[in-house]
Amino acid sequence: MDDVTTGPGLLLPDLIHPRRLIGGRLFDFSREVAVMAIVNRTPDSFYDKGATFGLDEAVKAARRAILDGADWVDIGGVKFAPGPSIPIKEEIDRVVPVIEALRGEGVVISVDTFHPAVARASLAAGAHVINDTTGVHDPAMADVVADSDATLVITHSLAPPRTPWPAPTYGDVVHEVAAFLNERVALALRRGVPASRIIVDPGHDLNKNTYHSLELTRRLGEITGLGHPTLVAVSNKDFIGETLNRERGDRAPGSLAAAVYSILQGARIVRMHNVVAAVDAVRMTEAILGFREPAYVRHNLA
């Protein structure tokens, strides 16, 4: 893809269909970054350890994220990490009531799932995006999205759902992730999902060690250069904790640094836990890039 210069020494990729209508909101990803908040209805989520497992807690957390400026809320009913399977009906029962509670609140609603049946139920309930962290492991996921007006997030990972992949190795992690994403995007296109409704995610830490995730961040421009809007899920990940020697509750500064660097490499959606800090960091980065005006200007003006 061609690149466009937005500042001294800064190259950002030319996007396929940068203007996207998602959940009734128009995003221009050529000069806009969306903040995706995270709400996990799981008893064992890696970050909050089940704090939003209850329905009331999940809905309150989502509404608080919206008030804090999140553009997007990502709802998960099953975590990515290896473990026993969760019945599909139970996953639906976890995510659908949250979707129903958030309908009409002016926020993009996405569902983190790898089950086509869960995706179908979520879209029927009002979700706008399916976030498949297994890279459309089941091609039927693309069929479900193609039959709707929803957006599909295609994420790189190696293992089948909820299956361990010990000591992952790559010859060149960035080249291999890019090739995987190109292949899975091509599958989605063949099954009827238009390019205007595809987002990619390199999958930081998903079947990758800290060196892999750092390399993906350093060379993220090779992923954003594929031309599809790129989502990065760097928030509080282990590669940040291991790099900085920080436990999960102390990784917000490192998460913000990784998110801002990713934006400078062309990322256009950042999936974050600490919403207030993330919104400020993203909006400041947009202003520095010339994408947005300051909220007000008084300093040193007559």
Protein backbone atom coordinates (compact mmCIF):
# COMPACT_ATOMS: atom_id res chain seq x y z
CA MET A 1 0.00 0.00 0.00
CA ASP A 2 1.09 3.61 -0.51
CA ASP A 3 2.06 5.64 2.54
CA VAL A 4 1.06 9.17 3.43
CA THR A 5 3.27 11.54 5.42
CA THR A 6 1.60 13.24 8.40
CA GLY A 7 4.61 14.69 10.15
CA PRO A 8 8.41 14.84 10.08
CA GLY A 9 9.68 11.30 9.57
CA LEU A 10 6.27 9.77 10.28
CA LEU A 11 4.68 7.49 7.69
CA LEU A 12 1.18 6.13 8.13
CA PRO A 13 -0.37 3.58 5.77
CA ASP A 14 -3.01 4.25 3.18
CA LEU A 15 -6.10 2.36 4.35
CA ILE A 16 -8.64 0.32 2.44
CA HIS A 17 -12.01 1.97 3.10
CA PRO A 18 -10.81 4.28 5.91
CA ARG A 19 -14.34 5.66 6.46
CA ARG A 20 -16.38 3.04 8.28
CA LEU A 21 -19.95 3.14 9.57
CA ILE A 22 -19.89 0.85 12.63
CA GLY A 23 -22.76 0.70 15.05
CA GLY A 24 -24.29 3.85 13.66
CA ARG A 25 -21.04 5.81 14.18
CA LEU A 26 -18.88 7.05 11.33
CA PHE A 27 -15.16 6.54 11.90
CA ASP A 28 -12.56 8.03 9.59
CA PHE A 29 -9.56 5.87 10.40
CA SER A 30 -7.33 7.96 8.17
CA ARG A 31 -7.35 10.52 11.00
CA GLU A 32 -9.14 8.99 13.95
CA VAL A 33 -8.37 6.40 16.64
CA ALA A 34 -11.07 4.48 18.51
CA VAL A 35 -10.69 3.42 22.15
CA MET A 36 -12.16 -0.02 22.83
CA ALA A 37 -13.00 -0.76 26.47
CA ILE A 38 -13.01 -4.32 27.80
CA VAL A 39 -15.80 -6.01 29.76
CA ASN A 40 -15.25 -9.68 30.53
CA ARG A 41 -18.15 -11.77 31.87
CA THR A 42 -15.79 -14.52 32.93
CA PRO A 43 -15.01 -15.67 36.47
CA ASP A 44 -11.31 -16.02 35.65
CA SER A 45 -10.37 -13.10 33.39
CA PHE A 46 -6.62 -12.47 33.45
CA TYR A 47 -6.88 -8.79 34.47
CA ASP A 48 -9.84 -8.26 36.80
CA LYS A 49 -10.17 -11.83 38.09
CA GLY A 50 -13.95 -11.91 37.64
CA ALA A 51 -14.83 -8.41 38.89
CA THR A 52 -17.31 -7.99 36.01
CA PHE A 53 -18.58 -11.55 35.90
CA GLY A 54 -21.95 -10.58 37.38
CA LEU A 55 -24.44 -9.06 34.96
CA ASP A 56 -25.00 -5.88 36.98
CA GLU A 57 -21.25 -5.38 37.42
CA ALA A 58 -20.64 -5.94 33.70
CA VAL A 59 -23.30 -3.43 32.63
CA LYS A 60 -22.10 -0.85 35.18
CA ALA A 61 -18.51 -1.26 33.97
CA ALA A 62 -19.59 -0.82 30.34
CA ARG A 63 -21.63 2.30 31.11
CA ARG A 64 -18.75 3.74 33.15
CA ALA A 65 -16.41 3.16 30.19
CA ILE A 66 -18.85 4.99 27.90
CA LEU A 67 -18.99 7.95 30.31
CA ASP A 68 -15.18 7.88 30.44
CA GLY A 69 -15.03 8.36 26.67
CA ALA A 70 -14.75 4.87 25.21
CA ASP A 71 -15.92 4.63 21.60
CA TRP A 72 -16.36 0.90 21.75
CA VAL A 73 -17.11 -1.82 24.32
CA ASP A 74 -15.80 -5.35 23.77
CA ILE A 75 -17.75 -8.02 25.67
CA GLY A 76 -16.24 -11.43 26.30
CA GLY A 77 -17.85 -14.53 27.76
CA VAL A 78 -14.90 -16.92 27.43
CA LYS A 79 -11.24 -16.02 27.83
CA PHE A 80 -8.61 -16.90 25.23
CA ALA A 81 -6.29 -18.81 27.57
CA PRO A 82 -6.29 -22.63 27.50
CA GLY A 83 -8.92 -24.31 29.62
CA PRO A 84 -12.06 -26.42 29.59
CA SER A 85 -14.69 -25.59 27.01
CA ILE A 86 -17.71 -23.53 28.03
CA PRO A 87 -21.12 -24.63 26.70
CA ILE A 88 -22.24 -22.38 23.87
CA LYS A 89 -25.55 -21.65 25.60
CA GLU A 90 -23.69 -20.49 28.70
CA GLU A 91 -21.47 -18.16 26.66
CA ILE A 92 -24.57 -16.73 24.97
CA ASP A 93 -26.24 -16.26 28.35
CA ARG A 94 -23.18 -14.32 29.52
CA VAL A 95 -22.85 -11.87 26.62
CA VAL A 96 -26.34 -11.31 25.21
CA PRO A 97 -27.85 -9.59 28.31
CA VAL A 98 -24.97 -7.09 28.31
CA ILE A 99 -25.53 -6.35 24.61
CA GLU A 100 -29.24 -5.84 25.24
CA ALA A 101 -28.51 -3.46 28.13
CA LEU A 102 -26.19 -1.32 26.00
CA ARG A 103 -28.32 -1.04 22.87
CA GLY A 104 -29.11 2.57 22.00
CA GLU A 105 -26.34 4.06 24.16
CA GLY A 106 -24.36 5.34 21.18
CA VAL A 107 -21.40 3.02 21.57
CA VAL A 108 -20.02 0.35 19.26
CA ILE A 109 -20.66 -3.09 20.77
CA SER A 110 -18.35 -5.94 19.91
CA VAL A 111 -18.30 -9.51 21.14
CA ASP A 112 -15.10 -11.48 21.67
CA THR A 113 -16.00 -15.01 20.56
CA PHE A 114 -14.80 -17.81 18.30
CA HIS A 115 -18.15 -19.64 18.12
CA PRO A 116 -20.34 -18.85 15.08
CA ALA A 117 -23.47 -19.65 17.12
CA VAL A 118 -22.49 -17.11 19.78
CA ALA A 119 -21.75 -14.57 17.05
CA ARG A 120 -25.16 -15.14 15.47
CA ALA A 121 -26.98 -14.70 18.79
CA SER A 122 -24.90 -11.61 19.61
CA LEU A 123 -25.64 -9.94 16.28
CA ALA A 124 -29.34 -10.70 16.68
CA ALA A 125 -29.20 -9.02 20.10
CA GLY A 126 -27.65 -5.86 18.64
CA ALA A 127 -23.88 -6.32 18.52
CA HIS A 128 -22.04 -4.50 15.73
CA VAL A 129 -18.68 -6.30 15.65
CA ILE A 130 -17.44 -9.87 16.07
CA ASN A 131 -13.91 -10.00 17.51
CA ASP A 132 -12.54 -13.47 16.69
CA THR A 133 -9.23 -13.98 18.48
CA THR A 134 -8.72 -17.31 16.69
CA GLY A 135 -8.45 -15.77 13.23
CA VAL A 136 -11.67 -17.29 11.86
CA HIS A 137 -10.53 -20.76 12.96
CA ASP A 138 -14.06 -21.88 12.04
CA PRO A 139 -14.82 -20.54 8.53
CA ALA A 140 -18.52 -20.53 9.42
CA MET A 141 -17.74 -17.40 11.47
CA ALA A 142 -17.18 -15.52 8.21
CA ASP A 143 -20.53 -16.81 6.92
CA VAL A 144 -22.35 -15.47 9.98
CA VAL A 145 -20.75 -12.03 9.60
CA ALA A 146 -21.31 -12.00 5.84
CA ASP A 147 -25.04 -12.51 6.41
CA SER A 148 -25.19 -9.35 8.55
CA ASP A 149 -23.95 -5.77 8.32
CA ALA A 150 -21.42 -6.39 11.10
CA THR A 151 -17.67 -5.88 11.13
CA LEU A 152 -15.25 -8.79 11.63
CA VAL A 153 -11.98 -8.50 13.56
CA ILE A 154 -9.49 -11.14 12.38
CA THR A 155 -6.77 -11.80 14.94
CA HIS A 156 -3.59 -13.82 14.61
CA SER A 157 -3.17 -16.83 16.86
CA LEU A 158 -1.79 -20.32 16.26
CA ALA A 159 -3.61 -22.75 18.52
CA PRO A 160 -7.15 -24.05 18.16
CA PRO A 161 -9.50 -22.35 20.64
CA ARG A 162 -8.59 -22.74 24.32
CA THR A 163 -5.68 -25.06 23.44
CA PRO A 164 -2.12 -24.60 24.71
CA TRP A 165 0.74 -23.91 22.30
CA PRO A 166 3.88 -24.17 24.42
CA ALA A 167 7.07 -22.34 23.39
CA PRO A 168 5.84 -20.87 20.08
CA THR A 169 8.58 -20.27 17.53
CA TYR A 170 8.71 -18.13 14.39
CA GLY A 171 11.30 -17.56 11.72
CA ASP A 172 10.17 -13.95 11.35
CA VAL A 173 7.16 -13.28 13.55
CA VAL A 174 6.05 -10.16 11.68
CA HIS A 175 6.23 -11.76 8.24
CA GLU A 176 4.37 -14.85 9.49
CA VAL A 177 1.66 -12.86 11.25
CA ALA A 178 1.17 -10.71 8.14
CA ALA A 179 0.95 -13.80 5.91
CA PHE A 180 -1.60 -15.40 8.26
CA LEU A 181 -3.73 -12.25 8.33
CA ASN A 182 -3.63 -11.97 4.53
CA GLU A 183 -4.72 -15.60 4.22
CA ARG A 184 -7.59 -15.28 6.69
CA VAL A 185 -8.75 -11.98 5.18
CA ALA A 186 -8.82 -13.72 1.80
CA LEU A 187 -10.96 -16.50 3.30
CA ALA A 188 -13.40 -13.95 4.75
CA LEU A 189 -13.61 -12.14 1.40
CA ARG A 190 -14.31 -15.40 -0.44
CA ARG A 191 -17.14 -16.14 1.98
CA GLY A 192 -18.79 -12.78 1.43
CA VAL A 193 -17.42 -10.40 4.07
CA PRO A 194 -16.59 -7.17 2.20
CA ALA A 195 -13.21 -5.51 2.74
CA SER A 196 -15.06 -2.49 4.14
CA ARG A 197 -16.09 -4.61 7.14
CA ILE A 198 -12.73 -6.23 8.00
CA ILE A 199 -10.30 -5.19 10.74
CA VAL A 200 -7.06 -7.03 11.60
CA ASP A 201 -5.24 -7.58 14.89
CA PRO A 202 -1.70 -9.03 15.16
CA GLY A 203 -2.60 -10.71 18.44
CA HIS A 204 -0.02 -9.49 20.94
CA ASP A 205 0.88 -12.29 23.38
CA LEU A 206 -1.52 -14.77 21.75
CA ASN A 207 0.76 -17.80 21.21
CA LYS A 208 3.71 -15.40 21.31
CA ASN A 209 6.41 -14.70 23.86
CA THR A 210 7.58 -11.27 25.00
CA TYR A 211 10.24 -10.97 22.29
CA HIS A 212 7.61 -11.74 19.64
CA SER A 213 5.19 -9.12 20.99
CA LEU A 214 7.92 -6.49 21.22
CA GLU A 215 8.97 -7.21 17.63
CA LEU A 216 5.37 -6.97 16.44
CA THR A 217 5.03 -3.60 18.17
CA ARG A 218 8.36 -2.34 16.83
CA ARG A 219 7.46 -3.30 13.25
CA LEU A 220 3.70 -2.80 13.46
CA GLY A 221 3.89 -0.67 10.32
CA GLU A 222 4.30 -3.90 8.35
CA ILE A 223 0.90 -5.03 9.67
CA THR A 224 -0.89 -1.71 9.27
CA GLY A 225 0.66 -1.55 5.80
CA LEU A 226 -1.61 -4.43 4.77
CA GLY A 227 -4.21 -1.68 4.38
CA HIS A 228 -6.90 -2.86 6.78
CA PRO A 229 -7.64 -0.83 9.93
CA THR A 230 -5.54 -2.44 12.66
CA LEU A 231 -6.63 -3.13 16.23
CA VAL A 232 -4.01 -3.63 18.93
CA ALA A 233 -4.78 -5.32 22.24
CA VAL A 234 -1.71 -4.42 24.29
CA SER A 235 -3.35 -3.46 27.56
CA ASN A 236 -1.74 -5.01 30.65
CA LYS A 237 -0.37 -7.90 28.60
CA ASP A 238 2.40 -10.13 29.92
CA PHE A 239 4.94 -8.75 27.44
CA ILE A 240 4.57 -5.40 29.21
CA GLY A 241 4.80 -6.96 32.65
CA GLU A 242 7.89 -9.00 31.73
CA THR A 243 9.58 -6.06 30.00
CA LEU A 244 9.08 -3.70 32.95
CA ASN A 245 8.96 -6.23 35.82
CA ARG A 246 5.44 -5.10 36.72
CA GLU A 247 2.50 -7.09 38.04
CA ARG A 248 -0.88 -6.75 36.31
CA GLY A 249 -2.10 -3.91 38.48
CA ASP A 250 0.96 -1.80 37.69
CA ARG A 251 1.14 -2.04 33.90
CA ALA A 252 -0.95 0.98 32.87
CA PRO A 253 1.99 3.29 32.00
CA GLY A 254 3.65 0.59 29.90
CA SER A 255 0.32 -0.19 28.24
CA LEU A 256 -0.15 3.46 27.30
CA ALA A 257 3.37 3.66 25.87
CA ALA A 258 2.74 0.58 23.74
CA ALA A 259 -0.63 1.91 22.57
CA VAL A 260 0.78 5.33 21.58
CA TYR A 261 3.71 3.76 19.73
CA SER A 262 1.25 1.50 17.91
CA ILE A 263 -0.87 4.50 16.87
CA LEU A 264 2.25 6.15 15.45
CA GLN A 265 2.74 2.97 13.39
CA GLY A 266 -0.82 3.16 12.08
CA ALA A 267 -3.01 1.31 14.63
CA ARG A 268 -6.53 2.72 14.59
CA ILE A 269 -8.32 0.84 17.40
CA VAL A 270 -6.70 0.30 20.81
CA ARG A 271 -8.23 -2.22 23.21
CA MET A 272 -7.60 -0.92 26.74
CA HIS A 273 -8.57 -1.59 30.35
CA ASN A 274 -7.73 1.83 31.86
CA VAL A 275 -10.21 3.87 29.87
CA VAL A 276 -9.72 7.40 31.22
CA ALA A 277 -5.95 7.28 30.80
CA ALA A 278 -6.26 5.58 27.41
CA VAL A 279 -8.73 8.17 26.08
CA ASP A 280 -6.44 11.03 27.16
CA ALA A 281 -3.38 9.38 25.63
CA VAL A 282 -5.19 8.66 22.37
CA ARG A 283 -6.75 12.13 22.03
CA MET A 284 -3.40 13.78 22.80
CA THR A 285 -1.71 11.63 20.16
CA GLU A 286 -4.42 12.56 17.65
CA ALA A 287 -3.84 16.25 18.37
CA ILE A 288 -0.07 15.94 17.97
CA LEU A 289 -0.65 14.21 14.63
CA GLY A 290 -2.95 17.03 13.56
CA PHE A 291 -6.01 14.78 13.51
CA ARG A 292 -8.01 16.82 16.06
CA GLU A 293 -8.21 20.33 17.44
CA PRO A 294 -7.53 21.10 21.11
CA ALA A 295 -10.61 21.20 23.32
CA TYR A 296 -9.88 24.90 23.89
CA VAL A 297 -6.95 27.31 23.52
CA ARG A 298 -6.23 30.14 26.02
CA HIS A 299 -2.54 29.87 26.87
CA ASN A 300 -0.50 32.85 25.58
CA LEU A 301 -3.44 34.23 23.61
CA ALA A 302 -4.60 37.81 24.01
